[in-house]
Amino acid sequence: MGDVAVLHTGQKMPLIGLGTWKSKSGMVKQAVLWALEAGYRHIDCAAIYGNEAEIGEALQEAFGPDKALTRNDVFITSKLWNTRHHPDDVEPSLMKTLKDLKLDYLDLYLIHWPLGFQRGDDPFPKAEDGTMLYDTTDYKLTWAAMEKLVDKGLIKSIGLSNFNSRQLDDVLSVARIKPTVLQVESHPCLAQVELLDHCRKQDVVMTAYSPLGSPDRAWKQPDEPVILEEPLLTALAEKYKKSPAQVILRWQVQRGVVTIPKSVTESRIKENIQVFDFTLEDQEMKSVTALNKGWRYIVPSITVEGRRVPRDAGHPHFPFNDPY
């Protein structure tokens, strides 16, 4: 398989990319520069992360006729936020992202979530009682607006993020330009076996975010098991003289899943891409997949009476009410 996934457009998407969610300002520029220096050729961004302008500074420093890299060497993804689902808002949102990233085009643009929020400049619009103000624009209309951006040469391909299999099929049923990628949470405790199989049948590449279980997320419970401390993974790490994180990333890329670990630490950034010099045996692959518990960590939530509950479960396009 090598180190790339081939999209149905013919584009080659590197199987390991640098994730930039939760990468703070003042740190993300250096993280991107370290990643490019370490051999990464895939950067995953999103408008809502609030750091695209700083990533743009790094890209501007890295690309150029007198530099080792040109724009065409690096696969760059961004995402359309929930308040921008109205067809009239899609192109302006992309243009803002391109301006921030200092780019003429994106390799991939994703609809970040299937559910929309009320239009406007507040990224998380709320009513007085603290509940979210939603918008029910049909994501198929949003998709049609995304297709026009491909026609204009502003994006090479378009895809989805956090959609379930039924919603993916819903888009495919009307798509003039097919989605190339579905980006979802995936790690050994959420192996996404059925969804991955479904994507393969539809010729859609799956990308895994939070591939190490997002241990730095704010709502992590203190008594929650840590994926990186799972005995099977530590045993495999010892066998292959790798870290548990590298074993997880190897498991994903060996399944053909594009994976975007986030880090702002130089040593970890370097480590996370060093997964192409060993191969897990078939039984080891099955054993890692068997760790699946269906644990979804990244569900937008609010605290009600002291416990966290899904924030958007009542929205008609909430993706996690379906099995996969």
C-alpha atoms as a PDB file:
ATOM      1  CA  MET A   1       0.000   0.000   0.000  1.00  0.00           C
ATOM      2  CA  GLY A   2       2.902   2.373   0.627  1.00  0.00           C
ATOM      3  CA  ASP A   3       2.293   5.586   2.516  1.00  0.00           C
ATOM      4  CA  VAL A   4      -0.618   7.069   0.530  1.00  0.00           C
ATOM      5  CA  ALA A   5      -4.299   6.396  -0.070  1.00  0.00           C
ATOM      6  CA  VAL A   6      -5.451   6.969  -3.637  1.00  0.00           C
ATOM      7  CA  LEU A   7      -8.722   8.892  -3.851  1.00  0.00           C
ATOM      8  CA  HIS A   8     -11.202   8.201  -6.638  1.00  0.00           C
ATOM      9  CA  THR A   9     -10.083  11.505  -8.196  1.00  0.00           C
ATOM     10  CA  GLY A  10      -6.607  10.020  -8.589  1.00  0.00           C
ATOM     11  CA  GLN A  11      -5.212  12.280  -5.860  1.00  0.00           C
ATOM     12  CA  LYS A  12      -2.676  10.711  -3.522  1.00  0.00           C
ATOM     13  CA  MET A  13      -3.495  11.444   0.111  1.00  0.00           C
ATOM     14  CA  PRO A  14      -0.675  10.671   2.579  1.00  0.00           C
ATOM     15  CA  LEU A  15      -1.800   8.103   5.154  1.00  0.00           C
ATOM     16  CA  ILE A  16      -0.303  10.096   8.033  1.00  0.00           C
ATOM     17  CA  GLY A  17      -1.083  13.786   8.406  1.00  0.00           C
ATOM     18  CA  LEU A  18      -0.636  16.358  11.135  1.00  0.00           C
ATOM     19  CA  GLY A  19      -3.857  17.117  12.994  1.00  0.00           C
ATOM     20  CA  THR A  20      -4.196  20.712  14.221  1.00  0.00           C
ATOM     21  CA  TRP A  21      -7.326  20.556  16.409  1.00  0.00           C
ATOM     22  CA  LYS A  22      -6.571  21.993  19.871  1.00  0.00           C
ATOM     23  CA  SER A  23      -3.133  23.204  18.693  1.00  0.00           C
ATOM     24  CA  LYS A  24      -2.893  26.584  20.373  1.00  0.00           C
ATOM     25  CA  SER A  25      -1.842  29.846  18.779  1.00  0.00           C
ATOM     26  CA  GLY A  26       1.837  30.454  19.263  1.00  0.00           C
ATOM     27  CA  MET A  27       2.507  26.707  18.975  1.00  0.00           C
ATOM     28  CA  VAL A  28       0.833  25.501  15.794  1.00  0.00           C
ATOM     29  CA  LYS A  29       3.132  27.357  13.375  1.00  0.00           C
ATOM     30  CA  GLN A  30       6.193  25.640  14.796  1.00  0.00           C
ATOM     31  CA  ALA A  31       4.355  22.284  14.870  1.00  0.00           C
ATOM     32  CA  VAL A  32       3.590  22.552  11.145  1.00  0.00           C
ATOM     33  CA  LEU A  33       7.188  23.504  10.333  1.00  0.00           C
ATOM     34  CA  TRP A  34       8.505  20.578  12.397  1.00  0.00           C
ATOM     35  CA  ALA A  35       6.060  18.240  10.678  1.00  0.00           C
ATOM     36  CA  LEU A  36       7.074  19.322   7.172  1.00  0.00           C
ATOM     37  CA  GLU A  37      10.727  18.961   8.168  1.00  0.00           C
ATOM     38  CA  ALA A  38      10.015  15.448   9.518  1.00  0.00           C
ATOM     39  CA  GLY A  39       8.502  14.365   6.198  1.00  0.00           C
ATOM     40  CA  TYR A  40       4.787  15.031   6.648  1.00  0.00           C
ATOM     41  CA  ARG A  41       3.083  15.943   3.391  1.00  0.00           C
ATOM     42  CA  HIS A  42      -0.460  16.234   4.749  1.00  0.00           C
ATOM     43  CA  ILE A  43      -1.848  18.923   7.093  1.00  0.00           C
ATOM     44  CA  ASP A  44      -5.426  18.737   8.420  1.00  0.00           C
ATOM     45  CA  CYS A  45      -7.035  22.084   9.288  1.00  0.00           C
ATOM     46  CA  ALA A  46     -10.471  23.575  10.018  1.00  0.00           C
ATOM     47  CA  ALA A  47     -11.828  27.080  10.271  1.00  0.00           C
ATOM     48  CA  ILE A  48     -13.297  26.419  13.734  1.00  0.00           C
ATOM     49  CA  TYR A  49      -9.867  25.513  15.148  1.00  0.00           C
ATOM     50  CA  GLY A  50      -9.076  29.238  15.079  1.00  0.00           C
ATOM     51  CA  ASN A  51      -5.468  28.741  13.997  1.00  0.00           C
ATOM     52  CA  GLU A  52      -5.533  28.748  10.192  1.00  0.00           C
ATOM     53  CA  ALA A  53      -3.857  32.170   9.905  1.00  0.00           C
ATOM     54  CA  GLU A  54      -0.882  30.912  11.905  1.00  0.00           C
ATOM     55  CA  ILE A  55      -0.741  27.703   9.847  1.00  0.00           C
ATOM     56  CA  GLY A  56      -0.744  29.970   6.783  1.00  0.00           C
ATOM     57  CA  GLU A  57       2.394  31.690   8.098  1.00  0.00           C
ATOM     58  CA  ALA A  58       4.126  28.314   8.367  1.00  0.00           C
ATOM     59  CA  LEU A  59       3.065  27.310   4.850  1.00  0.00           C
ATOM     60  CA  GLN A  60       4.242  30.641   3.452  1.00  0.00           C
ATOM     61  CA  GLU A  61       7.652  30.063   5.066  1.00  0.00           C
ATOM     62  CA  ALA A  62       7.841  26.461   3.833  1.00  0.00           C
ATOM     63  CA  PHE A  63       6.766  26.893   0.197  1.00  0.00           C
ATOM     64  CA  GLY A  64       8.548  28.734  -2.567  1.00  0.00           C
ATOM     65  CA  PRO A  65      10.771  28.461  -5.626  1.00  0.00           C
ATOM     66  CA  ASP A  66      13.894  28.683  -3.482  1.00  0.00           C
ATOM     67  CA  LYS A  67      12.551  26.254  -0.834  1.00  0.00           C
ATOM     68  CA  ALA A  68      12.635  22.468  -0.593  1.00  0.00           C
ATOM     69  CA  LEU A  69       8.836  22.291  -0.887  1.00  0.00           C
ATOM     70  CA  THR A  70       6.262  23.665  -3.295  1.00  0.00           C
ATOM     71  CA  ARG A  71       2.513  23.949  -2.682  1.00  0.00           C
ATOM     72  CA  ASN A  72       1.868  20.863  -4.818  1.00  0.00           C
ATOM     73  CA  ASP A  73       4.000  18.700  -2.499  1.00  0.00           C
ATOM     74  CA  VAL A  74       1.597  18.963   0.466  1.00  0.00           C
ATOM     75  CA  PHE A  75      -2.002  17.738   0.779  1.00  0.00           C
ATOM     76  CA  ILE A  76      -4.024  20.317   2.721  1.00  0.00           C
ATOM     77  CA  THR A  77      -7.522  19.793   4.110  1.00  0.00           C
ATOM     78  CA  SER A  78      -9.917  22.250   5.737  1.00  0.00           C
ATOM     79  CA  LYS A  79     -13.544  22.146   6.858  1.00  0.00           C
ATOM     80  CA  LEU A  80     -16.740  24.160   6.534  1.00  0.00           C
ATOM     81  CA  TRP A  81     -18.179  25.094   9.945  1.00  0.00           C
ATOM     82  CA  ASN A  82     -21.756  24.457  11.145  1.00  0.00           C
ATOM     83  CA  THR A  83     -22.877  28.111  10.912  1.00  0.00           C
ATOM     84  CA  ARG A  84     -21.979  28.160   7.199  1.00  0.00           C
ATOM     85  CA  HIS A  85     -24.265  25.439   5.814  1.00  0.00           C
ATOM     86  CA  HIS A  86     -26.491  27.839   3.873  1.00  0.00           C
ATOM     87  CA  PRO A  87     -25.428  27.584   0.206  1.00  0.00           C
ATOM     88  CA  ASP A  88     -24.741  31.344   0.084  1.00  0.00           C
ATOM     89  CA  ASP A  89     -22.197  31.020   2.912  1.00  0.00           C
ATOM     90  CA  VAL A  90     -20.105  28.168   1.498  1.00  0.00           C
ATOM     91  CA  GLU A  91     -17.877  30.032  -0.962  1.00  0.00           C
ATOM     92  CA  PRO A  92     -17.214  33.023   1.355  1.00  0.00           C
ATOM     93  CA  SER A  93     -16.183  30.579   4.091  1.00  0.00           C
ATOM     94  CA  LEU A  94     -13.751  28.823   1.783  1.00  0.00           C
ATOM     95  CA  MET A  95     -12.314  32.152   0.614  1.00  0.00           C
ATOM     96  CA  LYS A  96     -11.662  33.151   4.245  1.00  0.00           C
ATOM     97  CA  THR A  97      -9.880  29.837   4.836  1.00  0.00           C
ATOM     98  CA  LEU A  98      -7.781  30.236   1.673  1.00  0.00           C
ATOM     99  CA  LYS A  99      -6.863  33.785   2.699  1.00  0.00           C
ATOM    100  CA  ASP A 100      -5.863  32.643   6.201  1.00  0.00           C
ATOM    101  CA  LEU A 101      -3.866  29.679   4.894  1.00  0.00           C
ATOM    102  CA  LYS A 102      -2.343  31.899   2.161  1.00  0.00           C
ATOM    103  CA  LEU A 103      -3.311  29.368  -0.511  1.00  0.00           C
ATOM    104  CA  ASP A 104      -4.933  29.447  -3.947  1.00  0.00           C
ATOM    105  CA  TYR A 105      -6.659  26.088  -3.534  1.00  0.00           C
ATOM    106  CA  LEU A 106      -7.312  23.231  -1.100  1.00  0.00           C
ATOM    107  CA  ASP A 107      -6.723  19.568  -1.842  1.00  0.00           C
ATOM    108  CA  LEU A 108      -9.803  18.631   0.204  1.00  0.00           C
ATOM    109  CA  TYR A 109     -12.696  20.544   1.790  1.00  0.00           C
ATOM    110  CA  LEU A 110     -15.054  18.769   4.192  1.00  0.00           C
ATOM    111  CA  ILE A 111     -18.470  19.566   5.647  1.00  0.00           C
ATOM    112  CA  HIS A 112     -17.361  19.486   9.298  1.00  0.00           C
ATOM    113  CA  TRP A 113     -20.650  18.161  10.761  1.00  0.00           C
ATOM    114  CA  PRO A 114     -23.965  17.153   9.167  1.00  0.00           C
ATOM    115  CA  LEU A 115     -25.894  19.451  11.518  1.00  0.00           C
ATOM    116  CA  GLY A 116     -26.106  23.205  11.079  1.00  0.00           C
ATOM    117  CA  PHE A 117     -26.130  26.077  13.558  1.00  0.00           C
ATOM    118  CA  GLN A 118     -27.933  29.397  13.114  1.00  0.00           C
ATOM    119  CA  ARG A 119     -26.262  31.572  10.464  1.00  0.00           C
ATOM    120  CA  GLY A 120     -24.124  34.443  11.673  1.00  0.00           C
ATOM    121  CA  ASP A 121     -20.711  35.338  13.045  1.00  0.00           C
ATOM    122  CA  ASP A 122     -21.091  33.569  16.405  1.00  0.00           C
ATOM    123  CA  PRO A 123     -19.621  30.065  15.861  1.00  0.00           C
ATOM    124  CA  PHE A 124     -21.671  28.655  18.772  1.00  0.00           C
ATOM    125  CA  PRO A 125     -24.950  30.633  18.761  1.00  0.00           C
ATOM    126  CA  LYS A 126     -26.990  30.085  21.920  1.00  0.00           C
ATOM    127  CA  ALA A 127     -30.416  31.046  23.202  1.00  0.00           C
ATOM    128  CA  GLU A 128     -30.785  32.820  26.560  1.00  0.00           C
ATOM    129  CA  ASP A 129     -31.242  29.501  28.341  1.00  0.00           C
ATOM    130  CA  GLY A 130     -27.873  28.273  27.009  1.00  0.00           C
ATOM    131  CA  THR A 131     -29.255  25.860  24.401  1.00  0.00           C
ATOM    132  CA  MET A 132     -27.825  25.916  20.888  1.00  0.00           C
ATOM    133  CA  LEU A 133     -29.597  27.785  18.118  1.00  0.00           C
ATOM    134  CA  TYR A 134     -29.799  25.351  15.228  1.00  0.00           C
ATOM    135  CA  ASP A 135     -30.352  25.595  11.511  1.00  0.00           C
ATOM    136  CA  THR A 136     -31.892  22.757   9.540  1.00  0.00           C
ATOM    137  CA  THR A 137     -30.445  23.516   6.099  1.00  0.00           C
ATOM    138  CA  ASP A 138     -30.353  20.194   4.247  1.00  0.00           C
ATOM    139  CA  TYR A 139     -26.705  19.162   3.969  1.00  0.00           C
ATOM    140  CA  LYS A 140     -27.460  17.981   0.406  1.00  0.00           C
ATOM    141  CA  LEU A 141     -27.961  21.662  -0.526  1.00  0.00           C
ATOM    142  CA  THR A 142     -24.673  22.481   1.207  1.00  0.00           C
ATOM    143  CA  TRP A 143     -23.068  19.702  -0.830  1.00  0.00           C
ATOM    144  CA  ALA A 144     -24.303  21.207  -4.113  1.00  0.00           C
ATOM    145  CA  ALA A 145     -22.617  24.492  -3.139  1.00  0.00           C
ATOM    146  CA  MET A 146     -19.397  22.578  -2.344  1.00  0.00           C
ATOM    147  CA  GLU A 147     -19.480  21.013  -5.814  1.00  0.00           C
ATOM    148  CA  LYS A 148     -19.433  24.490  -7.391  1.00  0.00           C
ATOM    149  CA  LEU A 149     -16.127  25.196  -5.623  1.00  0.00           C
ATOM    150  CA  VAL A 150     -14.601  22.174  -7.352  1.00  0.00           C
ATOM    151  CA  ASP A 151     -15.935  23.497 -10.679  1.00  0.00           C
ATOM    152  CA  LYS A 152     -14.150  26.799  -9.989  1.00  0.00           C
ATOM    153  CA  GLY A 153     -10.825  25.069  -9.266  1.00  0.00           C
ATOM    154  CA  LEU A 154     -10.745  26.298  -5.661  1.00  0.00           C
ATOM    155  CA  ILE A 155     -10.826  22.747  -4.279  1.00  0.00           C
ATOM    156  CA  LYS A 156      -9.524  19.512  -5.791  1.00  0.00           C
ATOM    157  CA  SER A 157     -11.992  17.273  -3.965  1.00  0.00           C
ATOM    158  CA  ILE A 158     -14.754  17.415  -1.382  1.00  0.00           C
ATOM    159  CA  GLY A 159     -15.785  15.154   1.461  1.00  0.00           C
ATOM    160  CA  LEU A 160     -17.594  14.764   4.751  1.00  0.00           C
ATOM    161  CA  SER A 161     -16.747  14.673   8.446  1.00  0.00           C
ATOM    162  CA  ASN A 162     -18.768  13.143  11.297  1.00  0.00           C
ATOM    163  CA  PHE A 163     -21.470  11.854   8.941  1.00  0.00           C
ATOM    164  CA  ASN A 164     -22.837   8.361   9.569  1.00  0.00           C
ATOM    165  CA  SER A 165     -23.216   5.716   6.849  1.00  0.00           C
ATOM    166  CA  ARG A 166     -26.857   6.621   6.129  1.00  0.00           C
ATOM    167  CA  GLN A 167     -25.948  10.292   5.739  1.00  0.00           C
ATOM    168  CA  LEU A 168     -23.020   9.402   3.488  1.00  0.00           C
ATOM    169  CA  ASP A 169     -25.400   7.417   1.283  1.00  0.00           C
ATOM    170  CA  ASP A 170     -27.835  10.338   1.339  1.00  0.00           C
ATOM    171  CA  VAL A 171     -25.148  12.623  -0.134  1.00  0.00           C
ATOM    172  CA  LEU A 172     -24.042   9.959  -2.619  1.00  0.00           C
ATOM    173  CA  SER A 173     -27.636   9.653  -3.850  1.00  0.00           C
ATOM    174  CA  VAL A 174     -27.623  13.251  -5.134  1.00  0.00           C
ATOM    175  CA  ALA A 175     -23.920  13.940  -5.673  1.00  0.00           C
ATOM    176  CA  ARG A 176     -22.750  15.162  -9.041  1.00  0.00           C
ATOM    177  CA  ILE A 177     -19.233  15.105  -7.586  1.00  0.00           C
ATOM    178  CA  LYS A 178     -18.783  12.171  -5.202  1.00  0.00           C
ATOM    179  CA  PRO A 179     -17.263  12.571  -1.740  1.00  0.00           C
ATOM    180  CA  THR A 180     -13.671  11.335  -1.669  1.00  0.00           C
ATOM    181  CA  VAL A 181     -13.228  11.140   2.112  1.00  0.00           C
ATOM    182  CA  LEU A 182     -15.209  10.590   5.306  1.00  0.00           C
ATOM    183  CA  GLN A 183     -13.371  11.820   8.405  1.00  0.00           C
ATOM    184  CA  VAL A 184     -14.543  10.328  11.713  1.00  0.00           C
ATOM    185  CA  GLU A 185     -13.307   9.560  15.191  1.00  0.00           C
ATOM    186  CA  SER A 186     -11.496   6.209  15.205  1.00  0.00           C
ATOM    187  CA  HIS A 187      -9.093   4.455  17.565  1.00  0.00           C
ATOM    188  CA  PRO A 188      -8.834   0.894  18.941  1.00  0.00           C
ATOM    189  CA  CYS A 189     -11.805   1.482  21.286  1.00  0.00           C
ATOM    190  CA  LEU A 190     -13.861   2.785  18.336  1.00  0.00           C
ATOM    191  CA  ALA A 191     -12.589   0.657  15.480  1.00  0.00           C
ATOM    192  CA  GLN A 192     -15.386   1.707  13.076  1.00  0.00           C
ATOM    193  CA  VAL A 193     -15.237  -1.693  11.320  1.00  0.00           C
ATOM    194  CA  GLU A 194     -18.721  -1.482   9.760  1.00  0.00           C
ATOM    195  CA  LEU A 195     -18.283   2.139   8.673  1.00  0.00           C
ATOM    196  CA  LEU A 196     -14.867   1.401   7.157  1.00  0.00           C
ATOM    197  CA  ASP A 197     -16.331  -1.532   5.235  1.00  0.00           C
ATOM    198  CA  HIS A 198     -19.163   0.696   4.016  1.00  0.00           C
ATOM    199  CA  CYS A 199     -16.700   3.391   2.886  1.00  0.00           C
ATOM    200  CA  ARG A 200     -14.651   0.847   0.962  1.00  0.00           C
ATOM    201  CA  LYS A 201     -17.746  -0.345  -0.891  1.00  0.00           C
ATOM    202  CA  GLN A 202     -18.543   3.257  -1.849  1.00  0.00           C
ATOM    203  CA  ASP A 203     -14.940   4.032  -2.893  1.00  0.00           C
ATOM    204  CA  VAL A 204     -14.623   6.592  -0.098  1.00  0.00           C
ATOM    205  CA  VAL A 205     -11.418   6.824   1.948  1.00  0.00           C
ATOM    206  CA  MET A 206     -11.823   6.955   5.733  1.00  0.00           C
ATOM    207  CA  THR A 207      -9.753   9.371   7.816  1.00  0.00           C
ATOM    208  CA  ALA A 208      -9.355   8.795  11.565  1.00  0.00           C
ATOM    209  CA  TYR A 209      -9.213  11.761  13.909  1.00  0.00           C
ATOM    210  CA  SER A 210      -8.369  11.451  17.620  1.00  0.00           C
ATOM    211  CA  PRO A 211      -6.579   8.181  16.722  1.00  0.00           C
ATOM    212  CA  LEU A 212      -4.970   7.927  20.165  1.00  0.00           C
ATOM    213  CA  GLY A 213      -8.238   8.553  22.036  1.00  0.00           C
ATOM    214  CA  SER A 214      -7.723  12.314  22.435  1.00  0.00           C
ATOM    215  CA  PRO A 215      -6.229  11.982  25.942  1.00  0.00           C
ATOM    216  CA  ASP A 216      -5.961  15.787  26.261  1.00  0.00           C
ATOM    217  CA  ARG A 217      -9.688  16.446  25.841  1.00  0.00           C
ATOM    218  CA  ALA A 218     -11.124  18.622  28.599  1.00  0.00           C
ATOM    219  CA  TRP A 219     -13.953  16.238  29.564  1.00  0.00           C
ATOM    220  CA  LYS A 220     -11.813  13.121  30.054  1.00  0.00           C
ATOM    221  CA  GLN A 221     -12.934  11.249  33.166  1.00  0.00           C
ATOM    222  CA  PRO A 222     -10.170  10.610  35.758  1.00  0.00           C
ATOM    223  CA  ASP A 223     -10.951   6.884  36.039  1.00  0.00           C
ATOM    224  CA  GLU A 224     -11.244   6.322  32.283  1.00  0.00           C
ATOM    225  CA  PRO A 225      -8.957   3.638  30.785  1.00  0.00           C
ATOM    226  CA  VAL A 226      -6.047   5.087  28.801  1.00  0.00           C
ATOM    227  CA  ILE A 227      -5.800   3.493  25.357  1.00  0.00           C
ATOM    228  CA  LEU A 228      -2.030   3.943  25.230  1.00  0.00           C
ATOM    229  CA  GLU A 229      -1.697   1.844  28.401  1.00  0.00           C
ATOM    230  CA  GLU A 230      -3.683  -1.100  26.986  1.00  0.00           C
ATOM    231  CA  PRO A 231      -1.561  -4.252  27.712  1.00  0.00           C
ATOM    232  CA  LEU A 232      -1.876  -5.627  24.154  1.00  0.00           C
ATOM    233  CA  LEU A 233      -0.574  -2.380  22.700  1.00  0.00           C
ATOM    234  CA  THR A 234       2.294  -2.095  25.157  1.00  0.00           C
ATOM    235  CA  ALA A 235       3.275  -5.731  24.416  1.00  0.00           C
ATOM    236  CA  LEU A 236       3.250  -5.101  20.655  1.00  0.00           C
ATOM    237  CA  ALA A 237       5.228  -1.899  21.185  1.00  0.00           C
ATOM    238  CA  GLU A 238       7.876  -3.864  23.069  1.00  0.00           C
ATOM    239  CA  LYS A 239       7.992  -6.556  20.373  1.00  0.00           C
ATOM    240  CA  TYR A 240       8.505  -4.067  17.533  1.00  0.00           C
ATOM    241  CA  LYS A 241      10.600  -1.587  19.561  1.00  0.00           C
ATOM    242  CA  LYS A 242       7.997   1.086  18.904  1.00  0.00           C
ATOM    243  CA  SER A 243       5.691   3.152  21.118  1.00  0.00           C
ATOM    244  CA  PRO A 244       2.048   2.160  21.757  1.00  0.00           C
ATOM    245  CA  ALA A 245       1.065   5.256  19.736  1.00  0.00           C
ATOM    246  CA  GLN A 246       3.084   4.008  16.767  1.00  0.00           C
ATOM    247  CA  VAL A 247       1.407   0.588  17.023  1.00  0.00           C
ATOM    248  CA  ILE A 248      -2.043   2.239  16.884  1.00  0.00           C
ATOM    249  CA  LEU A 249      -1.071   4.415  13.931  1.00  0.00           C
ATOM    250  CA  ARG A 250       0.405   1.384  12.138  1.00  0.00           C
ATOM    251  CA  TRP A 251      -2.852  -0.532  12.707  1.00  0.00           C
ATOM    252  CA  GLN A 252      -4.809   2.294  11.123  1.00  0.00           C
ATOM    253  CA  VAL A 253      -2.619   2.800   8.063  1.00  0.00           C
ATOM    254  CA  GLN A 254      -2.383  -0.955   7.536  1.00  0.00           C
ATOM    255  CA  ARG A 255      -6.197  -0.919   7.282  1.00  0.00           C
ATOM    256  CA  GLY A 256      -5.893   1.810   4.636  1.00  0.00           C
ATOM    257  CA  VAL A 257      -7.224   4.449   7.033  1.00  0.00           C
ATOM    258  CA  VAL A 258      -5.704   7.924   6.739  1.00  0.00           C
ATOM    259  CA  THR A 259      -4.749   9.061  10.227  1.00  0.00           C
ATOM    260  CA  ILE A 260      -4.127  12.581  11.563  1.00  0.00           C
ATOM    261  CA  PRO A 261      -2.495  12.502  15.016  1.00  0.00           C
ATOM    262  CA  LYS A 262      -2.244  15.941  16.606  1.00  0.00           C
ATOM    263  CA  SER A 263       0.876  17.057  18.420  1.00  0.00           C
ATOM    264  CA  VAL A 264       2.817  20.248  19.058  1.00  0.00           C
ATOM    265  CA  THR A 265       5.800  18.354  20.529  1.00  0.00           C
ATOM    266  CA  GLU A 266       8.716  17.918  18.113  1.00  0.00           C
ATOM    267  CA  SER A 267       9.692  14.432  19.317  1.00  0.00           C
ATOM    268  CA  ARG A 268       6.107  13.118  19.077  1.00  0.00           C
ATOM    269  CA  ILE A 269       5.557  14.712  15.678  1.00  0.00           C
ATOM    270  CA  LYS A 270       8.652  12.863  14.421  1.00  0.00           C
ATOM    271  CA  GLU A 271       7.638   9.615  16.132  1.00  0.00           C
ATOM    272  CA  ASN A 272       4.094   9.615  14.741  1.00  0.00           C
ATOM    273  CA  ILE A 273       5.223   9.380  11.117  1.00  0.00           C
ATOM    274  CA  GLN A 274       7.771   6.607  11.748  1.00  0.00           C
ATOM    275  CA  VAL A 275       5.272   3.791  11.179  1.00  0.00           C
ATOM    276  CA  PHE A 276       6.214   2.577   7.708  1.00  0.00           C
ATOM    277  CA  ASP A 277       9.204   0.437   8.726  1.00  0.00           C
ATOM    278  CA  PHE A 278       7.308  -2.409  10.414  1.00  0.00           C
ATOM    279  CA  THR A 279       4.219  -4.516   9.707  1.00  0.00           C
ATOM    280  CA  LEU A 280       1.759  -6.032  12.173  1.00  0.00           C
ATOM    281  CA  GLU A 281       0.893  -9.690  11.579  1.00  0.00           C
ATOM    282  CA  ASP A 282      -2.678 -10.568  10.555  1.00  0.00           C
ATOM    283  CA  GLN A 283      -3.543 -11.936  13.982  1.00  0.00           C
ATOM    284  CA  GLU A 284      -2.093  -8.857  15.676  1.00  0.00           C
ATOM    285  CA  MET A 285      -4.233  -6.635  13.434  1.00  0.00           C
ATOM    286  CA  LYS A 286      -7.304  -8.653  14.459  1.00  0.00           C
ATOM    287  CA  SER A 287      -6.353  -8.423  18.139  1.00  0.00           C
ATOM    288  CA  VAL A 288      -6.072  -4.636  18.017  1.00  0.00           C
ATOM    289  CA  THR A 289      -9.429  -4.403  16.196  1.00  0.00           C
ATOM    290  CA  ALA A 290     -10.934  -6.654  18.871  1.00  0.00           C
ATOM    291  CA  LEU A 291     -10.206  -3.956  21.478  1.00  0.00           C
ATOM    292  CA  ASN A 292     -13.229  -2.148  20.015  1.00  0.00           C
ATOM    293  CA  LYS A 293     -15.782  -1.179  22.673  1.00  0.00           C
ATOM    294  CA  GLY A 294     -17.776   1.315  20.626  1.00  0.00           C
ATOM    295  CA  TRP A 295     -16.460   4.116  22.845  1.00  0.00           C
ATOM    296  CA  ARG A 296     -17.026   7.478  21.191  1.00  0.00           C
ATOM    297  CA  TYR A 297     -15.120  10.220  22.990  1.00  0.00           C
ATOM    298  CA  ILE A 298     -15.770  13.188  20.711  1.00  0.00           C
ATOM    299  CA  VAL A 299     -19.470  13.941  21.106  1.00  0.00           C
ATOM    300  CA  PRO A 300     -20.347  17.633  21.538  1.00  0.00           C
ATOM    301  CA  SER A 301     -21.798  17.687  25.051  1.00  0.00           C
ATOM    302  CA  ILE A 302     -23.131  19.994  27.729  1.00  0.00           C
ATOM    303  CA  THR A 303     -23.289  19.522  31.486  1.00  0.00           C
ATOM    304  CA  VAL A 304     -26.818  19.115  32.844  1.00  0.00           C
ATOM    305  CA  GLU A 305     -27.334  18.543  36.569  1.00  0.00           C
ATOM    306  CA  GLY A 306     -23.711  17.529  36.975  1.00  0.00           C
ATOM    307  CA  ARG A 307     -23.493  15.046  34.112  1.00  0.00           C
ATOM    308  CA  ARG A 308     -22.484  15.388  30.476  1.00  0.00           C
ATOM    309  CA  VAL A 309     -25.152  14.743  27.883  1.00  0.00           C
ATOM    310  CA  PRO A 310     -24.994  15.011  24.064  1.00  0.00           C
ATOM    311  CA  ARG A 311     -25.627  18.638  23.140  1.00  0.00           C
ATOM    312  CA  ASP A 312     -27.064  18.100  19.680  1.00  0.00           C
ATOM    313  CA  ALA A 313     -28.938  14.800  20.039  1.00  0.00           C
ATOM    314  CA  GLY A 314     -32.268  16.470  19.268  1.00  0.00           C
ATOM    315  CA  HIS A 315     -31.103  17.907  15.954  1.00  0.00           C
ATOM    316  CA  PRO A 316     -32.603  16.035  12.981  1.00  0.00           C
ATOM    317  CA  HIS A 317     -29.122  15.612  11.464  1.00  0.00           C
ATOM    318  CA  PHE A 318     -27.366  14.477  14.674  1.00  0.00           C
ATOM    319  CA  PRO A 319     -25.170  11.646  13.360  1.00  0.00           C
ATOM    320  CA  PHE A 320     -24.701   9.419  16.385  1.00  0.00           C
ATOM    321  CA  ASN A 321     -28.269   8.198  16.870  1.00  0.00           C
ATOM    322  CA  ASP A 322     -27.659   5.655  14.082  1.00  0.00           C
ATOM    323  CA  PRO A 323     -25.520   2.570  14.771  1.00  0.00           C
ATOM    324  CA  TYR A 324     -22.732   3.660  12.389  1.00  0.00           C
END
